[in-house]
């Protein structure tokens, strides 16, 4: 949801003032909230796609008479630039994304990873019936489900090529210990190959391009594309170690 983005209100306030700002019809996604600009908006629904997320940002900006189009245009261009290094028709490596030790991430974050070339095994995006395979240019219209709870053996059964864990779901230096402390964790191929990464910081709209470049560089084996600004840790030698 939009509330998941720290600093969103400050970001919207930085947009240019525009008394006539409205949300762009081109960015309207199925299921978008519609409301008159003269009233308070209802609660935003979870963003099932990047387009739905961007549309919701435009609507919040419009409510405050701010023009979010320049920011989102630049953001979209940066994401597309990163995608130029990905073959959208390639099968790509498999990936498991978790936002809690026993929960698969969902929503727009899955779609972002798929655009970076991943096959998200635990919670893949859904392809509307009229889109066929949903690959290539149709990829932007895929819809990811909400996060879902996992059975204890789900990660081991999926056996992904890469594992990405996001945020800090609990207190302490290693909030992921309920996951990494399990005996099956060390037997996962992604862990043995040092392809399990933890990104502890929040993914805000401001760092979305850098995060996309990280995903592309990591999943496509192009380390030169990974920005140094994305703080992350790799699971190596039995613990999370800072990665340069």
Protein backbone atom coordinates (compact mmCIF):
# COMPACT_ATOMS: atom_id res chain seq x y z
CA UNK A 1 0.00 0.00 0.00
CA UNK A 2 1.06 3.62 -0.32
CA UNK A 3 1.45 3.77 3.43
CA UNK A 4 4.33 1.32 3.01
CA UNK A 5 6.43 4.12 1.49
CA UNK A 6 8.22 6.22 4.14
CA UNK A 7 8.47 9.86 3.16
CA UNK A 8 5.67 9.65 0.60
CA UNK A 9 3.90 12.77 1.86
CA UNK A 10 7.14 14.76 1.74
CA UNK A 11 7.76 13.49 -1.78
CA UNK A 12 4.31 14.55 -2.94
CA UNK A 13 4.82 17.98 -1.40
CA UNK A 14 7.99 18.34 -3.50
CA UNK A 15 6.01 17.98 -6.72
CA UNK A 16 5.29 21.21 -8.65
CA UNK A 17 2.16 23.05 -7.61
CA UNK A 18 -0.64 22.60 -10.13
CA UNK A 19 -4.22 23.65 -9.32
CA UNK A 20 -5.50 21.66 -12.30
CA UNK A 21 -3.52 18.47 -11.63
CA UNK A 22 -5.45 15.29 -12.42
CA UNK A 23 -4.46 11.68 -12.67
CA UNK A 24 -3.43 10.62 -16.14
CA UNK A 25 -5.94 8.34 -17.91
CA UNK A 26 -3.06 6.44 -19.52
CA UNK A 27 -1.97 5.23 -16.12
CA UNK A 28 -5.39 4.09 -14.92
CA UNK A 29 -5.23 0.44 -13.90
CA UNK A 30 -8.13 -1.99 -13.44
CA UNK A 31 -9.52 -1.62 -9.96
CA UNK A 32 -8.18 1.91 -9.45
CA UNK A 33 -9.98 4.03 -6.89
CA UNK A 34 -12.07 6.83 -8.40
CA UNK A 35 -13.07 9.90 -6.42
CA UNK A 36 -13.88 13.59 -7.06
CA UNK A 37 -10.88 15.85 -6.58
CA UNK A 38 -12.88 18.06 -4.23
CA UNK A 39 -13.31 15.36 -1.59
CA UNK A 40 -11.02 13.39 0.68
CA UNK A 41 -9.90 10.13 -0.97
CA UNK A 42 -10.86 6.79 0.48
CA UNK A 43 -8.16 4.42 1.67
CA UNK A 44 -5.94 3.31 -1.20
CA UNK A 45 -6.10 -0.38 -2.06
CA UNK A 46 -2.96 -2.51 -2.21
CA UNK A 47 -1.08 -1.85 -5.45
CA UNK A 48 -1.23 -5.05 -7.49
CA UNK A 49 0.98 -3.58 -10.24
CA UNK A 50 3.43 -0.76 -10.81
CA UNK A 51 0.87 1.07 -12.94
CA UNK A 52 -1.69 0.88 -10.13
CA UNK A 53 0.95 2.17 -7.72
CA UNK A 54 1.87 5.10 -9.97
CA UNK A 55 -1.79 5.89 -10.60
CA UNK A 56 -2.41 6.03 -6.86
CA UNK A 57 0.54 8.42 -6.41
CA UNK A 58 -0.85 10.68 -9.13
CA UNK A 59 -4.23 10.72 -7.41
CA UNK A 60 -2.74 11.57 -4.03
CA UNK A 61 -0.73 14.36 -5.64
CA UNK A 62 -3.82 15.68 -7.41
CA UNK A 63 -5.67 15.83 -4.10
CA UNK A 64 -2.97 18.21 -2.89
CA UNK A 65 -2.92 20.16 -6.14
CA UNK A 66 0.49 18.82 -7.04
CA UNK A 67 1.64 17.53 -10.41
CA UNK A 68 3.21 14.09 -10.05
CA UNK A 69 3.52 13.45 -13.79
CA UNK A 70 7.10 14.79 -14.23
CA UNK A 71 8.40 12.66 -11.35
CA UNK A 72 6.63 9.50 -12.52
CA UNK A 73 7.70 10.09 -16.13
CA UNK A 74 11.34 10.27 -15.05
CA UNK A 75 10.90 7.26 -12.76
CA UNK A 76 9.33 5.18 -15.53
CA UNK A 77 12.12 6.12 -17.96
CA UNK A 78 14.74 4.99 -15.45
CA UNK A 79 12.99 1.66 -14.91
CA UNK A 80 12.71 1.10 -18.66
CA UNK A 81 16.40 1.94 -19.07
CA UNK A 82 17.30 -0.82 -16.61
CA UNK A 83 14.97 -3.23 -18.44
CA UNK A 84 16.98 -2.72 -21.63
CA UNK A 85 19.47 -5.20 -20.14
CA UNK A 86 16.78 -7.91 -19.81
CA UNK A 87 15.42 -10.20 -22.51
CA UNK A 88 11.65 -10.12 -21.78
CA UNK A 89 11.14 -13.41 -23.65
CA UNK A 90 13.86 -15.32 -21.80
CA UNK A 91 12.77 -17.79 -19.12
CA UNK A 92 15.12 -16.21 -16.61
CA UNK A 93 16.33 -17.44 -13.22
CA UNK A 94 13.88 -18.47 -10.52
CA UNK A 95 13.49 -16.24 -7.48
CA UNK A 96 11.81 -16.43 -4.09
CA UNK A 97 10.95 -13.10 -2.42
CA UNK A 98 10.03 -13.02 1.26
CA UNK A 99 8.97 -10.07 3.40
CA UNK A 100 8.70 -12.22 6.56
CA UNK A 101 10.27 -15.56 7.48
CA UNK A 102 7.12 -17.47 6.51
CA UNK A 103 5.51 -15.09 4.02
CA UNK A 104 6.02 -14.61 0.30
CA UNK A 105 6.05 -11.01 -0.89
CA UNK A 106 3.38 -9.95 -3.34
CA UNK A 107 1.98 -6.97 -5.18
CA UNK A 108 4.06 -4.63 -7.31
CA UNK A 109 7.39 -5.88 -5.90
CA UNK A 110 6.83 -9.21 -7.67
CA UNK A 111 6.10 -7.44 -10.93
CA UNK A 112 9.26 -5.36 -10.57
CA UNK A 113 11.36 -8.51 -10.08
CA UNK A 114 9.72 -10.15 -13.10
CA UNK A 115 10.57 -7.14 -15.22
CA UNK A 116 14.16 -7.59 -14.04
CA UNK A 117 14.05 -11.07 -15.56
CA UNK A 118 13.04 -13.30 -12.63
CA UNK A 119 10.48 -16.09 -12.37
CA UNK A 120 8.92 -15.59 -8.96
CA UNK A 121 8.15 -19.11 -7.76
CA UNK A 122 6.35 -18.57 -4.46
CA UNK A 123 3.87 -15.90 -5.53
CA UNK A 124 3.97 -15.36 -9.32
CA UNK A 125 2.02 -12.67 -11.08
CA UNK A 126 -1.25 -13.57 -12.75
CA UNK A 127 -1.80 -13.18 -16.48
CA UNK A 128 -5.27 -11.93 -17.51
CA UNK A 129 -6.86 -14.42 -19.96
CA UNK A 130 -6.67 -12.09 -22.97
CA UNK A 131 -2.89 -11.60 -22.69
CA UNK A 132 -1.76 -15.08 -23.66
CA UNK A 133 1.62 -15.72 -22.04
CA UNK A 134 1.85 -12.17 -20.67
CA UNK A 135 5.44 -11.85 -21.90
CA UNK A 136 7.19 -9.10 -23.84
CA UNK A 137 5.27 -5.83 -24.00
CA UNK A 138 2.27 -7.47 -22.31
CA UNK A 139 4.36 -8.02 -19.18
CA UNK A 140 3.33 -4.64 -17.78
CA UNK A 141 -0.27 -5.84 -17.52
CA UNK A 142 0.48 -8.84 -15.35
CA UNK A 143 -1.02 -8.64 -11.85
CA UNK A 144 0.66 -10.05 -8.77
CA UNK A 145 -1.34 -11.34 -5.82
CA UNK A 146 -1.08 -10.10 -2.25
CA UNK A 147 1.61 -11.50 0.08
CA UNK A 148 0.70 -14.97 1.32
CA UNK A 149 1.71 -17.14 4.22
CA UNK A 150 3.93 -20.12 3.44
CA UNK A 151 4.06 -23.65 4.70
CA UNK A 152 7.38 -24.46 6.40
CA UNK A 153 8.61 -26.62 3.53
CA UNK A 154 7.53 -24.27 0.71
CA UNK A 155 10.90 -22.64 0.16
CA UNK A 156 12.74 -25.95 0.17
CA UNK A 157 10.24 -27.44 -2.29
CA UNK A 158 10.52 -24.44 -4.63
CA UNK A 159 14.35 -24.60 -4.66
CA UNK A 160 14.82 -21.16 -6.29
CA UNK A 161 18.01 -20.02 -8.01
CA UNK A 162 17.94 -16.77 -5.99
CA UNK A 163 16.43 -15.76 -2.65
CA UNK A 164 15.61 -12.16 -1.77
CA UNK A 165 14.43 -11.17 1.71
CA UNK A 166 13.14 -7.65 2.29
CA UNK A 167 12.91 -5.44 5.35
CA UNK A 168 13.31 -6.24 9.02
CA UNK A 169 10.33 -8.32 10.20
CA UNK A 170 11.48 -8.50 13.81
CA UNK A 171 13.90 -7.13 16.41
CA UNK A 172 17.56 -7.98 16.82
CA UNK A 173 20.58 -8.12 14.54
CA UNK A 174 19.15 -11.07 12.63
CA UNK A 175 15.36 -10.81 12.39
CA UNK A 176 15.46 -13.57 9.79
CA UNK A 177 16.79 -16.18 12.22
CA UNK A 178 13.46 -18.12 12.22
CA UNK A 179 14.19 -18.71 8.52
CA UNK A 180 17.97 -19.03 8.42
CA UNK A 181 18.14 -20.97 11.68
CA UNK A 182 16.16 -23.85 10.23
CA UNK A 183 18.32 -26.83 9.29
CA UNK A 184 16.93 -26.91 5.74
CA UNK A 185 18.12 -23.35 5.00
CA UNK A 186 21.77 -24.28 4.51
CA UNK A 187 20.81 -27.02 2.04
CA UNK A 188 19.11 -24.64 -0.40
CA UNK A 189 21.09 -24.27 -3.63
CA UNK A 190 20.72 -20.48 -3.58
CA UNK A 191 22.25 -20.36 -0.10
CA UNK A 192 25.10 -22.69 -1.01
CA UNK A 193 25.87 -20.52 -4.06
CA UNK A 194 25.74 -17.26 -2.02
CA UNK A 195 22.70 -16.10 -3.96
CA UNK A 196 20.57 -15.28 -0.90
CA UNK A 197 20.44 -11.53 -0.32
CA UNK A 198 18.82 -9.40 2.38
CA UNK A 199 17.86 -5.79 1.61
CA UNK A 200 17.05 -4.43 5.10
CA UNK A 201 16.11 -0.86 4.25
CA UNK A 202 12.69 0.27 3.06
CA UNK A 203 12.15 0.48 -0.69
CA UNK A 204 10.83 3.99 -1.18
CA UNK A 205 9.71 5.53 -4.44
CA UNK A 206 12.89 7.62 -4.39
CA UNK A 207 15.15 4.55 -4.46
CA UNK A 208 13.01 2.46 -6.80
CA UNK A 209 15.31 2.98 -9.84
CA UNK A 210 18.42 1.99 -7.87
CA UNK A 211 16.60 -1.08 -6.55
CA UNK A 212 15.60 -2.02 -10.10
CA UNK A 213 19.20 -1.69 -11.26
CA UNK A 214 20.25 -3.93 -8.37
CA UNK A 215 17.71 -6.57 -9.38
CA UNK A 216 18.80 -6.47 -13.01
CA UNK A 217 22.51 -6.63 -12.20
CA UNK A 218 22.05 -9.39 -9.63
CA UNK A 219 19.66 -11.60 -11.59
CA UNK A 220 21.38 -11.11 -14.95
CA UNK A 221 24.89 -11.71 -13.58
CA UNK A 222 25.90 -8.15 -14.41
CA UNK A 223 27.52 -6.90 -11.18
CA UNK A 224 28.77 -3.76 -12.92
CA UNK A 225 25.15 -2.59 -13.15
CA UNK A 226 24.51 -2.79 -9.39
CA UNK A 227 24.56 0.65 -7.70
CA UNK A 228 26.71 0.95 -4.60
CA UNK A 229 23.86 2.89 -2.96
CA UNK A 230 21.72 -0.23 -2.46
CA UNK A 231 22.60 -1.53 1.00
CA UNK A 232 22.37 -5.31 1.11
CA UNK A 233 23.77 -8.36 2.82
CA UNK A 234 24.61 -11.77 1.41
CA UNK A 235 24.21 -14.94 3.40
CA UNK A 236 27.69 -16.46 3.47
CA UNK A 237 29.58 -18.56 5.99
CA UNK A 238 26.53 -19.00 8.17
CA UNK A 239 25.50 -15.35 8.49
CA UNK A 240 24.50 -12.13 6.75
CA UNK A 241 27.60 -10.28 5.52
CA UNK A 242 27.61 -6.79 4.08
CA UNK A 243 28.04 -6.76 0.30
CA UNK A 244 29.99 -3.99 -1.41
